[in-house]
């Protein structure tokens, strides 16, 4: 009996450990938290997980998460159709939206170019992005891929593909965090900070 119980708990821990950003210790904490949680709360969580799996889909236009064929942002006629912000994942849409500074549309690539993991441009939604640019409505593409090697490679590739189409291509500015030390900055961040330098006046 004891070994059976331990087996189920171990299975649960292993499932949680498969989630991104959750290590073995975090998985154990989540599993034991659920063991001490009221059964009704656990049932509610289970129902919600099933509903998410069954009902949530990806927008047919921008590939953000949606509860219908198109997401609420693509359905919003007040958004500027001439500007598209290109991001890697749906969570990045949320990050940009939190700023309340962007009023255009989005395009979610579904990842970034990563040759080590065997992910190339054909594995991303690049063709779908180029198709969205074919009608001449879009005037600017903002590349908001992550400021790491994969994100930079993706941004460089997209710039090469989009620039000949006559669409303005911009990249999110990035630089040194306030309160950070120069010696701890990686070369990409420091390089981007140099590129994005501004003139100062006394």
C-alpha atoms as a PDB file:
ATOM      1  CA  UNK A   1       0.000   0.000   0.000  1.00  0.00           C
ATOM      2  CA  UNK A   2       2.786   2.392   0.981  1.00  0.00           C
ATOM      3  CA  UNK A   3       4.788   1.717  -2.162  1.00  0.00           C
ATOM      4  CA  UNK A   4       1.697   2.322  -4.327  1.00  0.00           C
ATOM      5  CA  UNK A   5       1.099   5.705  -2.668  1.00  0.00           C
ATOM      6  CA  UNK A   6       4.752   6.677  -3.099  1.00  0.00           C
ATOM      7  CA  UNK A   7       4.558   5.628  -6.747  1.00  0.00           C
ATOM      8  CA  UNK A   8       1.619   7.970  -7.452  1.00  0.00           C
ATOM      9  CA  UNK A   9       3.337  10.840  -5.680  1.00  0.00           C
ATOM     10  CA  UNK A  10       6.511  10.193  -7.651  1.00  0.00           C
ATOM     11  CA  UNK A  11       4.529  10.131 -10.912  1.00  0.00           C
ATOM     12  CA  UNK A  12       2.970  13.472  -9.972  1.00  0.00           C
ATOM     13  CA  UNK A  13       6.353  15.012  -9.170  1.00  0.00           C
ATOM     14  CA  UNK A  14       7.774  13.778 -12.465  1.00  0.00           C
ATOM     15  CA  UNK A  15       4.850  15.320 -14.389  1.00  0.00           C
ATOM     16  CA  UNK A  16       5.335  18.697 -12.701  1.00  0.00           C
ATOM     17  CA  UNK A  17       9.098  18.517 -13.327  1.00  0.00           C
ATOM     18  CA  UNK A  18       8.363  18.353 -17.075  1.00  0.00           C
ATOM     19  CA  UNK A  19       6.894  21.864 -16.943  1.00  0.00           C
ATOM     20  CA  UNK A  20       9.192  24.679 -18.122  1.00  0.00           C
ATOM     21  CA  UNK A  21      10.994  26.420 -15.293  1.00  0.00           C
ATOM     22  CA  UNK A  22      10.044  23.789 -12.717  1.00  0.00           C
ATOM     23  CA  UNK A  23      12.928  21.753 -11.334  1.00  0.00           C
ATOM     24  CA  UNK A  24      12.758  18.644  -9.133  1.00  0.00           C
ATOM     25  CA  UNK A  25      12.505  20.683  -5.903  1.00  0.00           C
ATOM     26  CA  UNK A  26       9.788  22.933  -7.266  1.00  0.00           C
ATOM     27  CA  UNK A  27       7.896  19.914  -8.588  1.00  0.00           C
ATOM     28  CA  UNK A  28       8.046  18.283  -5.147  1.00  0.00           C
ATOM     29  CA  UNK A  29       6.750  21.445  -3.465  1.00  0.00           C
ATOM     30  CA  UNK A  30       3.807  21.665  -5.866  1.00  0.00           C
ATOM     31  CA  UNK A  31       2.962  17.965  -5.472  1.00  0.00           C
ATOM     32  CA  UNK A  32       3.009  18.075  -1.663  1.00  0.00           C
ATOM     33  CA  UNK A  33       1.062  21.330  -1.665  1.00  0.00           C
ATOM     34  CA  UNK A  34      -1.681  19.575  -3.651  1.00  0.00           C
ATOM     35  CA  UNK A  35      -1.624  16.641  -1.212  1.00  0.00           C
ATOM     36  CA  UNK A  36      -2.448  19.083   1.597  1.00  0.00           C
ATOM     37  CA  UNK A  37      -5.052  21.009  -0.410  1.00  0.00           C
ATOM     38  CA  UNK A  38      -8.802  20.629  -0.009  1.00  0.00           C
ATOM     39  CA  UNK A  39     -10.158  18.052  -2.470  1.00  0.00           C
ATOM     40  CA  UNK A  40     -12.656  20.542  -3.933  1.00  0.00           C
ATOM     41  CA  UNK A  41      -9.835  22.925  -4.810  1.00  0.00           C
ATOM     42  CA  UNK A  42      -7.922  20.087  -6.466  1.00  0.00           C
ATOM     43  CA  UNK A  43     -11.010  19.097  -8.467  1.00  0.00           C
ATOM     44  CA  UNK A  44     -11.504  22.693  -9.582  1.00  0.00           C
ATOM     45  CA  UNK A  45      -7.882  22.816 -10.753  1.00  0.00           C
ATOM     46  CA  UNK A  46      -8.327  19.536 -12.642  1.00  0.00           C
ATOM     47  CA  UNK A  47     -11.481  20.792 -14.387  1.00  0.00           C
ATOM     48  CA  UNK A  48      -9.744  24.043 -15.313  1.00  0.00           C
ATOM     49  CA  UNK A  49      -6.748  22.208 -16.795  1.00  0.00           C
ATOM     50  CA  UNK A  50      -9.076  20.081 -18.942  1.00  0.00           C
ATOM     51  CA  UNK A  51     -11.031  23.166 -20.062  1.00  0.00           C
ATOM     52  CA  UNK A  52      -7.836  24.983 -21.038  1.00  0.00           C
ATOM     53  CA  UNK A  53      -6.713  21.978 -23.053  1.00  0.00           C
ATOM     54  CA  UNK A  54     -10.094  21.647 -24.794  1.00  0.00           C
ATOM     55  CA  UNK A  55     -11.173  25.271 -25.289  1.00  0.00           C
ATOM     56  CA  UNK A  56      -8.093  27.439 -25.690  1.00  0.00           C
ATOM     57  CA  UNK A  57      -6.704  27.628 -29.211  1.00  0.00           C
ATOM     58  CA  UNK A  58      -4.409  29.858 -31.236  1.00  0.00           C
ATOM     59  CA  UNK A  59      -5.635  32.887 -33.173  1.00  0.00           C
ATOM     60  CA  UNK A  60      -5.745  32.160 -36.907  1.00  0.00           C
ATOM     61  CA  UNK A  61      -4.342  35.645 -37.633  1.00  0.00           C
ATOM     62  CA  UNK A  62      -1.577  36.325 -35.093  1.00  0.00           C
ATOM     63  CA  UNK A  63      -1.258  32.940 -33.284  1.00  0.00           C
ATOM     64  CA  UNK A  64      -1.776  34.417 -29.832  1.00  0.00           C
ATOM     65  CA  UNK A  65      -3.867  32.311 -27.439  1.00  0.00           C
ATOM     66  CA  UNK A  66      -7.580  32.733 -28.070  1.00  0.00           C
ATOM     67  CA  UNK A  67     -10.920  31.319 -27.002  1.00  0.00           C
ATOM     68  CA  UNK A  68     -12.328  31.722 -30.538  1.00  0.00           C
ATOM     69  CA  UNK A  69     -10.855  31.676 -34.058  1.00  0.00           C
ATOM     70  CA  UNK A  70      -9.420  35.161 -33.573  1.00  0.00           C
ATOM     71  CA  UNK A  71      -8.068  36.712 -30.370  1.00  0.00           C
ATOM     72  CA  UNK A  72      -9.456  39.828 -28.677  1.00  0.00           C
ATOM     73  CA  UNK A  73      -6.555  41.975 -29.948  1.00  0.00           C
ATOM     74  CA  UNK A  74      -7.136  41.048 -33.598  1.00  0.00           C
ATOM     75  CA  UNK A  75     -10.859  41.662 -33.073  1.00  0.00           C
ATOM     76  CA  UNK A  76     -10.258  45.143 -31.631  1.00  0.00           C
ATOM     77  CA  UNK A  77     -10.906  47.641 -34.459  1.00  0.00           C
ATOM     78  CA  UNK A  78      -9.202  50.387 -32.428  1.00  0.00           C
ATOM     79  CA  UNK A  79      -5.805  48.703 -32.788  1.00  0.00           C
ATOM     80  CA  UNK A  80      -3.445  50.088 -35.426  1.00  0.00           C
ATOM     81  CA  UNK A  81      -3.304  47.619 -38.331  1.00  0.00           C
ATOM     82  CA  UNK A  82      -0.244  49.338 -39.819  1.00  0.00           C
ATOM     83  CA  UNK A  83       2.102  48.187 -37.038  1.00  0.00           C
ATOM     84  CA  UNK A  84       2.865  44.584 -36.067  1.00  0.00           C
ATOM     85  CA  UNK A  85       4.967  43.630 -33.060  1.00  0.00           C
ATOM     86  CA  UNK A  86       6.654  40.265 -33.649  1.00  0.00           C
ATOM     87  CA  UNK A  87       7.255  38.152 -30.532  1.00  0.00           C
ATOM     88  CA  UNK A  88       8.413  34.601 -29.871  1.00  0.00           C
ATOM     89  CA  UNK A  89       5.664  33.286 -27.573  1.00  0.00           C
ATOM     90  CA  UNK A  90       2.131  34.258 -26.427  1.00  0.00           C
ATOM     91  CA  UNK A  91       3.513  35.176 -22.979  1.00  0.00           C
ATOM     92  CA  UNK A  92       5.539  37.909 -24.696  1.00  0.00           C
ATOM     93  CA  UNK A  93       2.291  39.501 -25.931  1.00  0.00           C
ATOM     94  CA  UNK A  94       1.205  39.827 -22.305  1.00  0.00           C
ATOM     95  CA  UNK A  95       4.545  41.411 -21.373  1.00  0.00           C
ATOM     96  CA  UNK A  96       4.194  44.068 -24.090  1.00  0.00           C
ATOM     97  CA  UNK A  97       0.525  44.676 -23.284  1.00  0.00           C
ATOM     98  CA  UNK A  98       1.415  45.345 -19.634  1.00  0.00           C
ATOM     99  CA  UNK A  99       3.382  48.424 -20.728  1.00  0.00           C
ATOM    100  CA  UNK A 100       0.193  50.013 -22.146  1.00  0.00           C
ATOM    101  CA  UNK A 101       2.452  51.676 -24.729  1.00  0.00           C
ATOM    102  CA  UNK A 102       1.673  49.583 -27.815  1.00  0.00           C
ATOM    103  CA  UNK A 103      -1.579  49.939 -29.752  1.00  0.00           C
ATOM    104  CA  UNK A 104      -0.813  47.869 -32.846  1.00  0.00           C
ATOM    105  CA  UNK A 105      -1.222  44.178 -33.653  1.00  0.00           C
ATOM    106  CA  UNK A 106       0.971  41.165 -32.914  1.00  0.00           C
ATOM    107  CA  UNK A 107       2.490  38.149 -34.612  1.00  0.00           C
ATOM    108  CA  UNK A 108       3.614  35.174 -32.504  1.00  0.00           C
ATOM    109  CA  UNK A 109       6.392  33.166 -34.155  1.00  0.00           C
ATOM    110  CA  UNK A 110       6.121  30.135 -31.878  1.00  0.00           C
ATOM    111  CA  UNK A 111       9.796  30.176 -30.879  1.00  0.00           C
ATOM    112  CA  UNK A 112      13.152  31.371 -32.169  1.00  0.00           C
ATOM    113  CA  UNK A 113      15.779  30.084 -34.590  1.00  0.00           C
ATOM    114  CA  UNK A 114      17.965  27.617 -32.700  1.00  0.00           C
ATOM    115  CA  UNK A 115      20.150  25.343 -34.871  1.00  0.00           C
ATOM    116  CA  UNK A 116      21.376  23.389 -31.817  1.00  0.00           C
ATOM    117  CA  UNK A 117      17.795  22.285 -31.094  1.00  0.00           C
ATOM    118  CA  UNK A 118      17.088  21.803 -34.799  1.00  0.00           C
ATOM    119  CA  UNK A 119      14.725  24.797 -35.024  1.00  0.00           C
ATOM    120  CA  UNK A 120      14.993  26.681 -38.295  1.00  0.00           C
ATOM    121  CA  UNK A 121      12.895  29.414 -39.961  1.00  0.00           C
ATOM    122  CA  UNK A 122      10.568  26.797 -41.478  1.00  0.00           C
ATOM    123  CA  UNK A 123       9.632  25.651 -37.965  1.00  0.00           C
ATOM    124  CA  UNK A 124       8.402  29.146 -37.077  1.00  0.00           C
ATOM    125  CA  UNK A 125       5.434  31.136 -38.383  1.00  0.00           C
ATOM    126  CA  UNK A 126       7.571  33.221 -40.730  1.00  0.00           C
ATOM    127  CA  UNK A 127       5.607  32.374 -43.888  1.00  0.00           C
ATOM    128  CA  UNK A 128       2.397  33.451 -42.147  1.00  0.00           C
ATOM    129  CA  UNK A 129       4.023  36.759 -41.189  1.00  0.00           C
ATOM    130  CA  UNK A 130       5.159  37.434 -44.749  1.00  0.00           C
ATOM    131  CA  UNK A 131       1.645  36.667 -45.984  1.00  0.00           C
ATOM    132  CA  UNK A 132       0.270  39.323 -43.608  1.00  0.00           C
ATOM    133  CA  UNK A 133       2.556  41.877 -45.254  1.00  0.00           C
ATOM    134  CA  UNK A 134       1.387  41.139 -48.799  1.00  0.00           C
ATOM    135  CA  UNK A 135      -1.593  43.532 -48.878  1.00  0.00           C
ATOM    136  CA  UNK A 136       0.438  46.693 -48.200  1.00  0.00           C
ATOM    137  CA  UNK A 137      -1.468  47.673 -45.039  1.00  0.00           C
ATOM    138  CA  UNK A 138       1.416  47.047 -42.634  1.00  0.00           C
ATOM    139  CA  UNK A 139       3.942  49.906 -42.585  1.00  0.00           C
ATOM    140  CA  UNK A 140       6.162  48.850 -39.670  1.00  0.00           C
ATOM    141  CA  UNK A 141       7.349  45.614 -38.104  1.00  0.00           C
ATOM    142  CA  UNK A 142       8.700  45.838 -34.549  1.00  0.00           C
ATOM    143  CA  UNK A 143      10.980  42.907 -33.792  1.00  0.00           C
ATOM    144  CA  UNK A 144      10.530  42.084 -30.102  1.00  0.00           C
ATOM    145  CA  UNK A 145      12.345  38.756 -29.993  1.00  0.00           C
ATOM    146  CA  UNK A 146      14.338  38.011 -26.849  1.00  0.00           C
ATOM    147  CA  UNK A 147      17.733  39.725 -26.442  1.00  0.00           C
ATOM    148  CA  UNK A 148      19.697  36.462 -26.537  1.00  0.00           C
ATOM    149  CA  UNK A 149      21.597  34.636 -29.287  1.00  0.00           C
ATOM    150  CA  UNK A 150      18.492  32.858 -30.611  1.00  0.00           C
ATOM    151  CA  UNK A 151      16.392  36.030 -30.528  1.00  0.00           C
ATOM    152  CA  UNK A 152      19.117  38.013 -32.281  1.00  0.00           C
ATOM    153  CA  UNK A 153      19.494  35.349 -34.980  1.00  0.00           C
ATOM    154  CA  UNK A 154      15.717  35.377 -35.516  1.00  0.00           C
ATOM    155  CA  UNK A 155      15.606  39.180 -35.705  1.00  0.00           C
ATOM    156  CA  UNK A 156      18.483  39.249 -38.204  1.00  0.00           C
ATOM    157  CA  UNK A 157      16.790  36.636 -40.406  1.00  0.00           C
ATOM    158  CA  UNK A 158      13.431  38.453 -40.311  1.00  0.00           C
ATOM    159  CA  UNK A 159      15.106  41.768 -41.164  1.00  0.00           C
ATOM    160  CA  UNK A 160      16.658  40.186 -44.262  1.00  0.00           C
ATOM    161  CA  UNK A 161      13.289  38.737 -45.307  1.00  0.00           C
ATOM    162  CA  UNK A 162      11.147  41.818 -44.627  1.00  0.00           C
ATOM    163  CA  UNK A 163      13.339  44.790 -45.627  1.00  0.00           C
ATOM    164  CA  UNK A 164      13.115  44.115 -49.415  1.00  0.00           C
ATOM    165  CA  UNK A 165       9.309  44.333 -49.121  1.00  0.00           C
ATOM    166  CA  UNK A 166       9.512  48.055 -48.356  1.00  0.00           C
ATOM    167  CA  UNK A 167       8.202  47.659 -44.800  1.00  0.00           C
ATOM    168  CA  UNK A 168      10.009  49.569 -42.047  1.00  0.00           C
ATOM    169  CA  UNK A 169      11.723  47.158 -39.627  1.00  0.00           C
ATOM    170  CA  UNK A 170      12.574  48.282 -36.094  1.00  0.00           C
ATOM    171  CA  UNK A 171      13.997  46.441 -33.094  1.00  0.00           C
ATOM    172  CA  UNK A 172      13.126  46.957 -29.449  1.00  0.00           C
ATOM    173  CA  UNK A 173      15.799  49.017 -27.757  1.00  0.00           C
ATOM    174  CA  UNK A 174      17.567  47.228 -24.957  1.00  0.00           C
ATOM    175  CA  UNK A 175      20.403  48.182 -22.697  1.00  0.00           C
ATOM    176  CA  UNK A 176      21.791  48.112 -19.213  1.00  0.00           C
ATOM    177  CA  UNK A 177      19.350  47.688 -16.335  1.00  0.00           C
ATOM    178  CA  UNK A 178      19.124  50.543 -13.871  1.00  0.00           C
ATOM    179  CA  UNK A 179      21.182  49.698 -10.798  1.00  0.00           C
ATOM    180  CA  UNK A 180      23.274  47.099 -12.632  1.00  0.00           C
ATOM    181  CA  UNK A 181      27.072  46.936 -12.821  1.00  0.00           C
ATOM    182  CA  UNK A 182      28.795  47.231 -16.198  1.00  0.00           C
ATOM    183  CA  UNK A 183      31.117  44.314 -15.459  1.00  0.00           C
ATOM    184  CA  UNK A 184      28.175  41.908 -15.141  1.00  0.00           C
ATOM    185  CA  UNK A 185      26.553  42.889 -18.451  1.00  0.00           C
ATOM    186  CA  UNK A 186      26.751  40.282 -21.203  1.00  0.00           C
ATOM    187  CA  UNK A 187      28.203  41.252 -24.574  1.00  0.00           C
ATOM    188  CA  UNK A 188      24.830  41.365 -26.365  1.00  0.00           C
ATOM    189  CA  UNK A 189      23.279  43.713 -23.798  1.00  0.00           C
ATOM    190  CA  UNK A 190      26.361  45.942 -23.709  1.00  0.00           C
ATOM    191  CA  UNK A 191      26.567  46.005 -27.515  1.00  0.00           C
ATOM    192  CA  UNK A 192      22.908  46.962 -27.817  1.00  0.00           C
ATOM    193  CA  UNK A 193      23.389  49.659 -25.173  1.00  0.00           C
ATOM    194  CA  UNK A 194      26.219  51.126 -27.257  1.00  0.00           C
ATOM    195  CA  UNK A 195      24.132  51.013 -30.437  1.00  0.00           C
ATOM    196  CA  UNK A 196      21.200  52.687 -28.721  1.00  0.00           C
ATOM    197  CA  UNK A 197      23.257  55.447 -27.114  1.00  0.00           C
ATOM    198  CA  UNK A 198      21.739  58.943 -27.051  1.00  0.00           C
ATOM    199  CA  UNK A 199      23.293  62.384 -27.129  1.00  0.00           C
ATOM    200  CA  UNK A 200      23.280  64.137 -23.765  1.00  0.00           C
ATOM    201  CA  UNK A 201      23.324  67.835 -23.118  1.00  0.00           C
ATOM    202  CA  UNK A 202      24.652  69.681 -20.064  1.00  0.00           C
END
